[in-house]
N, C-alpha and C. Protein backbone atom coordinates (compact mmCIF):
# COMPACT_ATOMS: atom_id res chain seq x y z
N UNK A 1 219.15 151.37 207.61
CA UNK A 1 219.56 152.61 207.00
C UNK A 1 221.02 152.87 207.37
N UNK A 2 221.79 153.41 206.44
CA UNK A 2 223.20 153.68 206.70
C UNK A 2 223.36 154.89 207.60
N UNK A 3 224.58 155.12 208.06
CA UNK A 3 224.86 156.25 208.93
C UNK A 3 224.53 157.56 208.22
N UNK A 4 224.14 158.54 209.02
CA UNK A 4 223.81 159.85 208.46
C UNK A 4 225.05 160.49 207.83
N UNK A 5 224.83 161.22 206.76
CA UNK A 5 225.90 162.01 206.16
C UNK A 5 226.05 163.29 206.98
N UNK A 6 227.13 164.05 206.73
CA UNK A 6 227.30 165.30 207.47
C UNK A 6 226.27 166.35 207.07
N UNK A 7 225.65 166.19 205.90
CA UNK A 7 224.65 167.16 205.44
C UNK A 7 223.20 166.72 205.70
N UNK A 8 223.02 165.51 206.19
CA UNK A 8 221.67 164.98 206.42
C UNK A 8 220.99 165.73 207.57
N UNK A 9 219.74 166.13 207.35
CA UNK A 9 218.98 166.85 208.37
C UNK A 9 218.50 165.93 209.48
N UNK A 10 218.45 164.61 209.20
CA UNK A 10 218.01 163.66 210.21
C UNK A 10 216.54 163.86 210.58
N UNK A 11 216.16 163.33 211.72
CA UNK A 11 214.79 163.47 212.19
C UNK A 11 213.77 162.92 211.22
N UNK A 12 212.63 163.60 211.13
CA UNK A 12 211.54 163.12 210.29
C UNK A 12 211.86 163.21 208.80
N UNK A 13 212.85 164.00 208.41
CA UNK A 13 213.22 164.12 206.98
C UNK A 13 213.95 162.87 206.49
N UNK A 14 214.59 162.19 207.39
CA UNK A 14 215.42 161.04 207.05
C UNK A 14 214.60 159.77 207.32
N UNK A 15 214.06 159.20 206.26
CA UNK A 15 213.20 158.04 206.43
C UNK A 15 213.16 157.21 205.15
N UNK A 16 212.51 156.09 205.20
CA UNK A 16 212.36 155.21 204.05
C UNK A 16 213.69 154.87 203.40
N UNK A 17 214.74 154.79 204.22
CA UNK A 17 216.04 154.38 203.73
C UNK A 17 216.82 155.46 203.02
N UNK A 18 216.33 156.70 203.05
CA UNK A 18 217.06 157.77 202.38
C UNK A 18 217.48 158.84 203.38
N UNK A 19 218.44 159.65 202.96
CA UNK A 19 218.89 160.78 203.76
C UNK A 19 218.55 162.05 203.00
N UNK A 20 218.05 163.07 203.72
CA UNK A 20 217.63 164.32 203.10
C UNK A 20 218.24 165.50 203.84
N UNK A 21 218.77 166.46 203.09
CA UNK A 21 219.28 167.69 203.68
C UNK A 21 218.13 168.63 203.99
N UNK A 22 218.42 169.65 204.79
CA UNK A 22 217.45 170.72 204.95
C UNK A 22 217.27 171.38 203.59
N UNK A 23 216.03 171.69 203.21
CA UNK A 23 215.82 172.33 201.91
C UNK A 23 216.40 173.74 201.87
N UNK A 24 216.88 174.12 200.70
CA UNK A 24 217.37 175.46 200.44
C UNK A 24 216.30 176.16 199.60
N UNK A 25 215.77 177.26 200.10
CA UNK A 25 214.71 177.98 199.41
C UNK A 25 215.23 179.30 198.88
N UNK A 26 214.96 179.57 197.60
CA UNK A 26 215.35 180.82 196.97
C UNK A 26 214.10 181.48 196.41
N UNK A 27 213.79 182.67 196.92
CA UNK A 27 212.67 183.46 196.40
C UNK A 27 213.20 184.40 195.34
N UNK A 28 212.52 184.43 194.21
CA UNK A 28 212.89 185.30 193.11
C UNK A 28 211.74 186.29 192.94
N UNK A 29 211.90 187.50 193.47
CA UNK A 29 210.79 188.47 193.47
C UNK A 29 210.17 188.64 192.08
N UNK A 30 208.85 188.55 192.04
CA UNK A 30 208.12 188.73 190.80
C UNK A 30 208.11 187.53 189.89
N UNK A 31 208.89 186.50 190.22
CA UNK A 31 209.00 185.33 189.35
C UNK A 31 208.51 184.05 190.02
N UNK A 32 208.92 183.83 191.26
CA UNK A 32 208.51 182.60 191.94
C UNK A 32 209.48 182.18 193.02
N UNK A 33 209.54 180.88 193.24
CA UNK A 33 210.36 180.31 194.31
C UNK A 33 210.89 178.94 193.87
N UNK A 34 212.13 178.66 194.27
CA UNK A 34 212.73 177.36 194.00
C UNK A 34 213.17 176.76 195.34
N UNK A 35 212.84 175.48 195.55
CA UNK A 35 213.26 174.76 196.75
C UNK A 35 214.13 173.59 196.28
N UNK A 36 215.36 173.53 196.77
CA UNK A 36 216.33 172.51 196.38
C UNK A 36 216.68 171.67 197.60
N UNK A 37 216.60 170.34 197.47
CA UNK A 37 216.93 169.42 198.56
C UNK A 37 217.88 168.34 198.05
N UNK A 38 218.97 168.15 198.75
CA UNK A 38 219.91 167.07 198.42
C UNK A 38 219.40 165.79 199.07
N UNK A 39 219.43 164.69 198.30
CA UNK A 39 218.90 163.41 198.77
C UNK A 39 219.88 162.30 198.43
N UNK A 40 220.07 161.37 199.37
CA UNK A 40 220.78 160.12 199.08
C UNK A 40 219.76 159.01 199.24
N UNK A 41 219.45 158.33 198.13
CA UNK A 41 218.45 157.27 198.13
C UNK A 41 218.97 156.04 198.87
N UNK A 42 218.07 155.12 199.19
CA UNK A 42 218.44 153.91 199.92
C UNK A 42 219.52 153.11 199.21
N UNK A 43 219.54 153.14 197.87
CA UNK A 43 220.53 152.40 197.09
C UNK A 43 221.88 153.12 197.02
N UNK A 44 221.96 154.35 197.61
CA UNK A 44 223.22 155.08 197.64
C UNK A 44 223.36 156.18 196.59
N UNK A 45 222.45 156.22 195.63
CA UNK A 45 222.51 157.25 194.59
C UNK A 45 222.08 158.59 195.17
N UNK A 46 222.85 159.64 194.88
CA UNK A 46 222.49 160.99 195.33
C UNK A 46 221.85 161.75 194.19
N UNK A 47 220.91 162.60 194.55
CA UNK A 47 220.26 163.44 193.55
C UNK A 47 219.76 164.72 194.20
N UNK A 48 219.43 165.68 193.37
CA UNK A 48 218.84 166.93 193.83
C UNK A 48 217.36 166.89 193.52
N UNK A 49 216.55 167.15 194.52
CA UNK A 49 215.12 167.27 194.32
C UNK A 49 214.83 168.76 194.19
N UNK A 50 214.23 169.15 193.07
CA UNK A 50 213.98 170.56 192.79
C UNK A 50 212.48 170.77 192.65
N UNK A 51 211.96 171.71 193.42
CA UNK A 51 210.54 172.06 193.34
C UNK A 51 210.46 173.55 193.05
N UNK A 52 209.70 173.91 192.04
CA UNK A 52 209.59 175.32 191.66
C UNK A 52 208.14 175.75 191.65
N UNK A 53 207.92 176.97 192.09
CA UNK A 53 206.63 177.62 192.00
C UNK A 53 206.85 178.86 191.14
N UNK A 54 206.13 178.94 190.03
CA UNK A 54 206.36 180.01 189.06
C UNK A 54 205.08 180.83 188.91
N UNK A 55 205.22 182.15 188.98
CA UNK A 55 204.09 183.04 188.76
C UNK A 55 203.73 183.03 187.28
N UNK A 56 202.44 182.82 187.00
CA UNK A 56 201.99 182.80 185.61
C UNK A 56 201.15 184.03 185.30
N UNK A 57 201.11 184.36 184.03
CA UNK A 57 200.30 185.48 183.55
C UNK A 57 198.82 185.18 183.81
N UNK A 58 198.01 186.22 183.83
CA UNK A 58 196.59 186.06 184.10
C UNK A 58 195.76 185.63 182.92
N UNK A 59 196.33 185.63 181.73
CA UNK A 59 195.59 185.19 180.55
C UNK A 59 196.13 183.86 180.06
N UNK A 60 195.24 183.03 179.54
CA UNK A 60 195.64 181.68 179.15
C UNK A 60 196.71 181.63 178.06
N UNK A 61 196.62 182.39 176.98
CA UNK A 61 197.68 182.29 175.96
C UNK A 61 199.06 182.64 176.52
N UNK A 62 199.13 183.68 177.33
CA UNK A 62 200.42 184.07 177.91
C UNK A 62 200.92 183.02 178.89
N UNK A 63 200.03 182.47 179.71
CA UNK A 63 200.43 181.43 180.67
C UNK A 63 200.95 180.19 179.93
N UNK A 64 200.30 179.84 178.84
CA UNK A 64 200.76 178.68 178.05
C UNK A 64 202.15 178.92 177.47
N UNK A 65 202.41 180.14 177.00
CA UNK A 65 203.75 180.47 176.49
C UNK A 65 204.78 180.36 177.60
N UNK A 66 204.42 180.85 178.78
CA UNK A 66 205.34 180.75 179.92
C UNK A 66 205.63 179.29 180.26
N UNK A 67 204.61 178.45 180.29
CA UNK A 67 204.80 177.04 180.60
C UNK A 67 205.68 176.35 179.56
N UNK A 68 205.48 176.69 178.30
CA UNK A 68 206.30 176.12 177.24
C UNK A 68 207.77 176.53 177.42
N UNK A 69 207.97 177.80 177.72
CA UNK A 69 209.32 178.29 177.95
C UNK A 69 209.94 177.64 179.19
N UNK A 70 209.13 177.44 180.21
CA UNK A 70 209.61 176.80 181.44
C UNK A 70 210.09 175.38 181.17
N UNK A 71 209.33 174.62 180.42
CA UNK A 71 209.72 173.23 180.10
C UNK A 71 211.04 173.22 179.33
N UNK A 72 211.18 174.11 178.37
CA UNK A 72 212.42 174.19 177.59
C UNK A 72 213.60 174.54 178.50
N UNK A 73 213.39 175.50 179.38
CA UNK A 73 214.47 175.92 180.29
C UNK A 73 214.86 174.82 181.27
N UNK A 74 213.88 174.10 181.79
CA UNK A 74 214.16 173.00 182.72
C UNK A 74 214.93 171.90 182.00
N UNK A 75 214.52 171.57 180.79
CA UNK A 75 215.24 170.53 180.03
C UNK A 75 216.68 170.94 179.77
N UNK A 76 216.90 172.20 179.43
CA UNK A 76 218.26 172.71 179.21
C UNK A 76 219.08 172.63 180.49
N UNK A 77 218.49 173.05 181.62
CA UNK A 77 219.20 172.99 182.90
C UNK A 77 219.56 171.56 183.28
N UNK A 78 218.66 170.61 183.05
CA UNK A 78 218.96 169.21 183.37
C UNK A 78 220.08 168.67 182.51
N UNK A 79 220.08 169.00 181.22
CA UNK A 79 221.17 168.55 180.35
C UNK A 79 222.50 169.14 180.79
N UNK A 80 222.52 170.40 181.20
CA UNK A 80 223.76 171.03 181.65
C UNK A 80 224.25 170.42 182.94
N UNK A 81 223.34 170.06 183.83
CA UNK A 81 223.73 169.50 185.13
C UNK A 81 224.22 168.06 185.02
N UNK A 82 223.76 167.35 184.00
CA UNK A 82 224.06 165.92 183.88
C UNK A 82 225.43 165.64 183.38
């Protein structure tokens, strides 16, 4: 494994040939939570690992609409970031 970067958290997070930063967690009241982690893979490519937890409506039709909107929004965000 290569030397740690200045942002690498080290320890148990840094394994399998990759380096991982401490995760950044953002709580969005009433909406959910996003956890963002910077990663450098063993091959040297860096990427952002994004994990989201989204509050869904209690009824199936509304939850399905939310999920559809979420997929569209995520695709738009990925295109903008790329």
